[in-house]
C-alpha atoms as a PDB file:
ATOM      1  CA  UNK A   1     107.826  89.401  85.257  1.00  0.00           C
ATOM      2  CA  UNK A   2     107.519  87.119  82.114  1.00  0.00           C
ATOM      3  CA  UNK A   3     104.064  85.648  81.209  1.00  0.00           C
ATOM      4  CA  UNK A   4     103.877  81.954  81.414  1.00  0.00           C
ATOM      5  CA  UNK A   5     103.608  79.886  78.067  1.00  0.00           C
ATOM      6  CA  UNK A   6     100.407  78.181  77.160  1.00  0.00           C
ATOM      7  CA  UNK A   7     100.502  75.966  74.248  1.00  0.00           C
ATOM      8  CA  UNK A   8      97.607  75.236  72.097  1.00  0.00           C
ATOM      9  CA  UNK A   9      97.953  72.170  69.759  1.00  0.00           C
ATOM     10  CA  UNK A  10      95.871  72.746  66.571  1.00  0.00           C
ATOM     11  CA  UNK A  11      95.543  71.126  63.140  1.00  0.00           C
ATOM     12  CA  UNK A  12      94.715  73.050  60.122  1.00  0.00           C
ATOM     13  CA  UNK A  13      90.390  72.868  58.765  1.00  0.00           C
ATOM     14  CA  UNK A  14      89.377  72.070  62.172  1.00  0.00           C
ATOM     15  CA  UNK A  15      86.449  73.991  63.698  1.00  0.00           C
ATOM     16  CA  UNK A  16      86.895  73.172  67.501  1.00  0.00           C
ATOM     17  CA  UNK A  17      90.459  74.413  66.964  1.00  0.00           C
ATOM     18  CA  UNK A  18      89.086  77.789  65.523  1.00  0.00           C
ATOM     19  CA  UNK A  19      86.734  78.161  68.477  1.00  0.00           C
ATOM     20  CA  UNK A  20      89.360  77.355  71.056  1.00  0.00           C
ATOM     21  CA  UNK A  21      91.510  80.319  69.325  1.00  0.00           C
ATOM     22  CA  UNK A  22      88.302  82.481  69.319  1.00  0.00           C
ATOM     23  CA  UNK A  23      87.484  81.642  73.111  1.00  0.00           C
ATOM     24  CA  UNK A  24      91.065  82.433  74.081  1.00  0.00           C
ATOM     25  CA  UNK A  25      91.000  85.895  72.451  1.00  0.00           C
ATOM     26  CA  UNK A  26      87.526  86.466  74.070  1.00  0.00           C
ATOM     27  CA  UNK A  27      88.658  85.896  77.574  1.00  0.00           C
ATOM     28  CA  UNK A  28      91.726  87.781  76.899  1.00  0.00           C
ATOM     29  CA  UNK A  29      93.787  84.877  77.956  1.00  0.00           C
ATOM     30  CA  UNK A  30      97.089  87.054  75.794  1.00  0.00           C
ATOM     31  CA  UNK A  31      96.948  89.638  78.235  1.00  0.00           C
ATOM     32  CA  UNK A  32      97.919  87.171  80.933  1.00  0.00           C
ATOM     33  CA  UNK A  33      99.904  84.384  78.890  1.00  0.00           C
ATOM     34  CA  UNK A  34     102.112  84.280  75.885  1.00  0.00           C
ATOM     35  CA  UNK A  35     100.115  81.522  73.700  1.00  0.00           C
ATOM     36  CA  UNK A  36     102.116  79.129  71.296  1.00  0.00           C
ATOM     37  CA  UNK A  37     100.301  77.625  68.427  1.00  0.00           C
ATOM     38  CA  UNK A  38     101.671  74.036  67.355  1.00  0.00           C
ATOM     39  CA  UNK A  39     100.271  72.395  64.136  1.00  0.00           C
ATOM     40  CA  UNK A  40     100.676  69.046  64.752  1.00  0.00           C
ATOM     41  CA  UNK A  41     100.305  67.822  61.465  1.00  0.00           C
ATOM     42  CA  UNK A  42     104.039  69.461  61.446  1.00  0.00           C
ATOM     43  CA  UNK A  43     105.377  66.605  63.659  1.00  0.00           C
ATOM     44  CA  UNK A  44     104.194  62.795  63.625  1.00  0.00           C
ATOM     45  CA  UNK A  45     104.793  62.655  67.401  1.00  0.00           C
ATOM     46  CA  UNK A  46     102.425  65.179  68.085  1.00  0.00           C
ATOM     47  CA  UNK A  47      99.805  64.115  65.854  1.00  0.00           C
ATOM     48  CA  UNK A  48     100.132  60.584  67.364  1.00  0.00           C
ATOM     49  CA  UNK A  49      99.918  62.217  70.778  1.00  0.00           C
ATOM     50  CA  UNK A  50      97.060  64.558  70.270  1.00  0.00           C
ATOM     51  CA  UNK A  51      95.677  63.355  67.145  1.00  0.00           C
ATOM     52  CA  UNK A  52      92.164  62.634  68.398  1.00  0.00           C
ATOM     53  CA  UNK A  53      91.848  65.187  71.245  1.00  0.00           C
ATOM     54  CA  UNK A  54      92.844  68.418  69.523  1.00  0.00           C
ATOM     55  CA  UNK A  55      92.532  71.048  70.076  1.00  0.00           C
ATOM     56  CA  UNK A  56      94.612  70.965  73.238  1.00  0.00           C
ATOM     57  CA  UNK A  57      95.598  73.648  75.771  1.00  0.00           C
ATOM     58  CA  UNK A  58      98.845  72.866  77.684  1.00  0.00           C
ATOM     59  CA  UNK A  59     100.969  74.346  80.448  1.00  0.00           C
ATOM     60  CA  UNK A  60     104.005  73.284  81.709  1.00  0.00           C
ATOM     61  CA  UNK A  61     103.802  69.556  79.951  1.00  0.00           C
ATOM     62  CA  UNK A  62      99.948  69.091  82.004  1.00  0.00           C
ATOM     63  CA  UNK A  63      96.880  69.400  79.500  1.00  0.00           C
ATOM     64  CA  UNK A  64      94.608  71.819  81.369  1.00  0.00           C
ATOM     65  CA  UNK A  65      91.984  71.659  78.288  1.00  0.00           C
ATOM     66  CA  UNK A  66      91.337  69.440  75.047  1.00  0.00           C
ATOM     67  CA  UNK A  67      88.561  68.952  72.847  1.00  0.00           C
ATOM     68  CA  UNK A  68      85.313  71.343  72.962  1.00  0.00           C
ATOM     69  CA  UNK A  69      86.676  73.962  75.369  1.00  0.00           C
ATOM     70  CA  UNK A  70      84.036  75.210  77.497  1.00  0.00           C
ATOM     71  CA  UNK A  71      84.500  78.899  78.627  1.00  0.00           C
ATOM     72  CA  UNK A  72      83.633  78.420  82.185  1.00  0.00           C
ATOM     73  CA  UNK A  73      85.775  75.422  82.566  1.00  0.00           C
ATOM     74  CA  UNK A  74      88.599  77.192  80.628  1.00  0.00           C
ATOM     75  CA  UNK A  75      88.560  80.548  82.850  1.00  0.00           C
ATOM     76  CA  UNK A  76      88.915  78.283  86.077  1.00  0.00           C
ATOM     77  CA  UNK A  77      91.555  76.475  84.635  1.00  0.00           C
ATOM     78  CA  UNK A  78      93.782  79.524  83.591  1.00  0.00           C
ATOM     79  CA  UNK A  79      92.619  81.328  87.095  1.00  0.00           C
ATOM     80  CA  UNK A  80      94.326  78.162  88.446  1.00  0.00           C
ATOM     81  CA  UNK A  81      97.654  78.513  86.638  1.00  0.00           C
ATOM     82  CA  UNK A  82      97.692  82.123  87.535  1.00  0.00           C
ATOM     83  CA  UNK A  83      97.424  81.007  91.375  1.00  0.00           C
ATOM     84  CA  UNK A  84     100.261  78.160  90.908  1.00  0.00           C
ATOM     85  CA  UNK A  85     102.268  81.270  89.475  1.00  0.00           C
ATOM     86  CA  UNK A  86     101.605  84.014  91.918  1.00  0.00           C
ATOM     87  CA  UNK A  87     101.500  81.998  94.624  1.00  0.00           C
END
């Protein structure tokens, strides 16, 4: 079974982005999800859409967490994604 894909929108020199990546690593998100990081500075449309919100974590076009990630909330969101996938 293929792991669901999460997209993490970031930009260079972003302390909140680094914290989000560390938190995702800490909770072991890569074991259950394919994580793709996208630099919004490489795409004008993404920069316009997410510039004030980053980091942004998205699943199937739905934002599941943004800004200052909170561990408890992030775990809840990822569990919700797993539940949706596993029925």
